Amino acid sequence: MKVYVVRHGDKAEGDYFNEYLKHQDEPLSESGEAKAEMLCTYFKDINISQIYTSEYLRTKQTAKYVAELKRITPKEDRRLNEIDNGAIESISDDEIKKQYPEFWTDFFSYSKDVRFPDGETGEEVKARQKELFDEILKYGQDVLLFSHEGYIRLLACHILGIPVYKRNQFKLDFCGIMELYYDVENKLWKIIRLNQIVEV
């Protein structure tokens, strides 16, 4: 079985704070919509049995075109949400350095997993990824997930068995596609491709 994980499209600029998510929840920009629609050319001949999105507007909007093509109603799953960066959401780098100097130093040392102030650690995201992928494995059919850059970087670390603080070494473009398959014999997920781009 295969799992496809897609980063959402380009975000619109502006203040779109979502009280429920406690995060900015920007819609797609015009460019983001175009890239999302182009995903249909990639997935046209790929069999997909279910589509899941995070709770963010931009992932749901990115999923819309492929979902309509496949005639599948996407399911929202909070386990696909971006890593919760807590109290530093919507504040500038200068303010973060001033208010949370220890966090800033530790995070950019790329040498340890750290908790975002009032938010999550990378290991906590890995835990919800494992829970979700264990369910997908039981489901046993090919699925398509729409998520976020930080989440997909952490997923790459998770699958490759490398520390979560190495996630900065992966580059993810808007609407970049990650493709995985489950190796039944060795009982592990393998990465087929990472950051596949569909040209607009």
Protein backbone atom coordinates (compact mmCIF):
# COMPACT_ATOMS: atom_id res chain seq x y z
CA MET A 1 0.00 0.00 0.00
CA LYS A 2 1.01 3.60 -0.59
CA VAL A 3 0.52 6.88 1.21
CA TYR A 4 0.89 10.23 -0.53
CA VAL A 5 1.52 13.30 1.66
CA VAL A 6 1.13 16.74 0.08
CA ARG A 7 2.07 20.11 1.50
CA HIS A 8 -0.62 22.76 1.06
CA GLY A 9 -0.39 25.46 -1.64
CA ASP A 10 0.93 29.00 -1.28
CA LYS A 11 -0.78 31.08 1.43
CA ALA A 12 -2.44 34.47 1.06
CA GLU A 13 -0.89 37.34 2.98
CA GLY A 14 -2.74 38.93 5.89
CA ASP A 15 -3.98 38.33 9.41
CA TYR A 16 -6.20 35.24 9.53
CA PHE A 17 -5.89 34.17 13.15
CA ASN A 18 -8.11 31.21 14.02
CA GLU A 19 -9.20 31.15 17.68
CA TYR A 20 -9.91 27.41 17.63
CA LEU A 21 -6.52 26.49 16.17
CA LYS A 22 -4.71 29.30 18.05
CA HIS A 23 -2.80 29.83 14.80
CA GLN A 24 -2.88 31.83 11.63
CA ASP A 25 -5.21 30.03 9.22
CA GLU A 26 -4.52 31.66 5.88
CA PRO A 27 -6.48 30.67 2.76
CA LEU A 28 -4.67 29.81 -0.46
CA SER A 29 -3.38 32.61 -2.65
CA GLU A 30 -4.16 32.70 -6.36
CA SER A 31 -0.86 30.92 -7.01
CA GLY A 32 -1.73 28.35 -4.35
CA GLU A 33 -5.07 27.62 -5.99
CA ALA A 34 -3.35 27.11 -9.36
CA LYS A 35 -0.84 24.67 -7.88
CA ALA A 36 -3.58 22.80 -6.03
CA GLU A 37 -5.56 22.38 -9.24
CA MET A 38 -2.45 21.10 -11.04
CA LEU A 39 -2.24 18.24 -8.54
CA CYS A 40 -5.07 16.64 -10.53
CA THR A 41 -2.67 15.94 -13.40
CA TYR A 42 -0.41 14.01 -11.02
CA PHE A 43 -3.12 12.01 -9.28
CA LYS A 44 -5.42 11.49 -12.27
CA ASP A 45 -4.34 7.88 -12.87
CA ILE A 46 -3.37 7.04 -9.29
CA ASN A 47 -5.81 4.99 -7.27
CA ILE A 48 -6.79 6.74 -4.04
CA SER A 49 -9.38 5.32 -1.66
CA GLN A 50 -9.47 8.07 0.97
CA ILE A 51 -8.28 11.65 1.47
CA TYR A 52 -7.39 13.24 4.80
CA THR A 53 -6.58 16.87 5.60
CA SER A 54 -5.42 18.78 8.63
CA GLU A 55 -7.88 21.15 10.30
CA TYR A 56 -6.40 24.16 8.51
CA LEU A 57 -8.26 25.96 5.73
CA ARG A 58 -5.33 25.87 3.33
CA THR A 59 -5.02 22.07 3.40
CA LYS A 60 -8.74 21.65 2.81
CA GLN A 61 -8.60 24.09 -0.11
CA THR A 62 -5.55 22.30 -1.55
CA ALA A 63 -7.34 18.94 -1.34
CA LYS A 64 -10.51 20.20 -3.03
CA TYR A 65 -9.56 19.65 -6.67
CA VAL A 66 -8.24 16.11 -6.33
CA ALA A 67 -11.15 15.24 -4.03
CA GLU A 68 -13.62 16.42 -6.67
CA LEU A 69 -11.74 14.48 -9.37
CA LYS A 70 -11.78 11.30 -7.29
CA ARG A 71 -15.31 11.94 -5.94
CA ILE A 72 -14.05 11.51 -2.38
CA THR A 73 -15.16 13.58 0.60
CA PRO A 74 -12.00 14.45 2.56
CA LYS A 75 -11.83 13.73 6.28
CA GLU A 76 -10.31 16.24 8.69
CA ASP A 77 -7.81 14.80 11.14
CA ARG A 78 -6.08 16.92 13.77
CA ARG A 79 -3.14 14.48 13.75
CA LEU A 80 -2.17 16.09 10.42
CA ASN A 81 -2.00 19.59 11.94
CA GLU A 82 1.26 21.53 11.80
CA ILE A 83 3.50 21.35 14.86
CA ASP A 84 2.01 23.66 17.48
CA ASN A 85 4.41 26.57 17.91
CA GLY A 86 2.35 27.92 20.79
CA ALA A 87 3.12 31.37 22.17
CA ILE A 88 5.48 32.40 19.37
CA GLU A 89 2.73 32.30 16.74
CA SER A 90 2.36 35.70 15.04
CA ILE A 91 5.25 37.42 16.85
CA SER A 92 8.45 38.61 15.19
CA ASP A 93 11.85 36.96 15.43
CA ASP A 94 13.13 39.89 17.49
CA GLU A 95 10.27 39.44 19.98
CA ILE A 96 10.94 35.69 20.19
CA LYS A 97 14.63 36.30 20.91
CA LYS A 98 13.71 38.79 23.62
CA GLN A 99 10.90 36.82 25.30
CA TYR A 100 12.24 33.27 24.81
CA PRO A 101 16.04 33.50 24.45
CA GLU A 102 16.71 29.97 25.72
CA PHE A 103 14.21 28.47 23.28
CA TRP A 104 15.68 30.48 20.40
CA THR A 105 19.24 29.33 21.18
CA ASP A 106 18.26 25.70 21.68
CA PHE A 107 16.03 25.50 18.60
CA PHE A 108 18.62 26.94 16.25
CA SER A 109 21.42 24.82 17.68
CA TYR A 110 19.83 21.92 15.74
CA SER A 111 21.17 19.64 18.44
CA LYS A 112 18.15 18.78 20.58
CA ASP A 113 14.39 18.47 20.48
CA VAL A 114 12.79 21.50 22.09
CA ARG A 115 9.29 22.47 23.08
CA PHE A 116 7.79 25.54 21.47
CA PRO A 117 6.66 27.86 24.31
CA ASP A 118 3.18 26.60 25.27
CA GLY A 119 3.34 24.33 22.21
CA GLU A 120 4.62 20.94 21.07
CA THR A 121 7.91 19.12 20.70
CA GLY A 122 8.95 17.25 17.59
CA GLU A 123 8.65 13.96 19.46
CA GLU A 124 5.02 14.73 20.32
CA VAL A 125 4.27 15.25 16.63
CA LYS A 126 5.96 11.91 15.89
CA ALA A 127 3.66 10.24 18.43
CA ARG A 128 0.53 11.46 16.67
CA GLN A 129 2.04 10.53 13.31
CA LYS A 130 2.58 6.97 14.54
CA GLU A 131 -0.99 6.75 15.78
CA LEU A 132 -2.34 7.94 12.42
CA PHE A 133 -0.10 5.72 10.31
CA ASP A 134 -0.93 2.68 12.44
CA GLU A 135 -4.61 3.31 11.61
CA ILE A 136 -3.84 3.79 7.92
CA LEU A 137 -1.93 0.51 7.92
CA LYS A 138 -4.97 -1.30 9.35
CA TYR A 139 -7.13 0.39 6.70
CA GLY A 140 -4.85 -1.23 4.14
CA GLN A 141 -5.60 0.93 1.08
CA ASP A 142 -3.81 3.78 -0.68
CA VAL A 143 -4.57 7.18 0.84
CA LEU A 144 -3.74 10.84 0.22
CA LEU A 145 -2.90 13.22 3.08
CA PHE A 146 -2.68 17.02 3.01
CA SER A 147 -0.53 18.60 5.69
CA HIS A 148 2.22 21.16 6.39
CA GLU A 149 5.93 21.72 5.88
CA GLY A 150 7.05 21.17 9.46
CA TYR A 151 4.86 18.09 9.78
CA ILE A 152 6.21 16.48 6.61
CA ARG A 153 9.81 17.25 7.56
CA LEU A 154 9.19 15.52 10.91
CA LEU A 155 7.57 12.60 9.10
CA ALA A 156 10.71 12.18 6.98
CA CYS A 157 12.78 12.09 10.19
CA HIS A 158 10.34 9.62 11.70
CA ILE A 159 10.51 7.21 8.77
CA LEU A 160 14.28 7.47 8.36
CA GLY A 161 14.89 7.07 12.09
CA ILE A 162 16.87 10.28 12.45
CA PRO A 163 16.54 12.85 15.26
CA VAL A 164 13.66 15.31 14.91
CA TYR A 165 16.04 18.27 15.27
CA LYS A 166 17.52 17.32 11.88
CA ARG A 167 14.27 18.27 10.12
CA ASN A 168 15.74 21.52 8.85
CA GLN A 169 17.77 19.44 6.37
CA PHE A 170 14.66 18.71 4.27
CA LYS A 171 13.22 21.18 1.76
CA LEU A 172 9.47 21.15 1.06
CA ASP A 173 7.91 23.35 -1.61
CA PHE A 174 4.25 24.35 -1.70
CA CYS A 175 2.25 21.39 -3.05
CA GLY A 176 5.37 19.22 -2.86
CA ILE A 177 4.46 15.52 -2.85
CA MET A 178 5.92 12.85 -0.59
CA GLU A 179 5.24 9.25 -1.60
CA LEU A 180 5.61 6.30 0.77
CA TYR A 181 4.95 2.60 0.58
CA TYR A 182 4.74 -0.06 3.26
CA ASP A 183 7.28 -2.88 2.97
CA VAL A 184 5.29 -5.81 4.34
CA GLU A 185 8.27 -8.18 4.49
CA ASN A 186 10.40 -5.82 6.58
CA LYS A 187 7.45 -4.17 8.34
CA LEU A 188 8.44 -0.58 7.71
CA TRP A 189 7.52 2.48 5.68
CA LYS A 190 9.86 3.51 2.85
CA ILE A 191 10.15 6.84 1.08
CA ILE A 192 9.79 6.59 -2.71
CA ARG A 193 10.05 10.32 -3.38
CA LEU A 194 10.12 13.57 -1.47
CA ASN A 195 9.12 17.03 -2.68
CA GLN A 196 7.88 15.97 -6.14
CA ILE A 197 6.59 19.10 -7.87
CA VAL A 198 3.87 19.42 -10.51
CA GLU A 199 4.74 22.30 -12.81
CA VAL A 200 2.05 24.96 -13.23
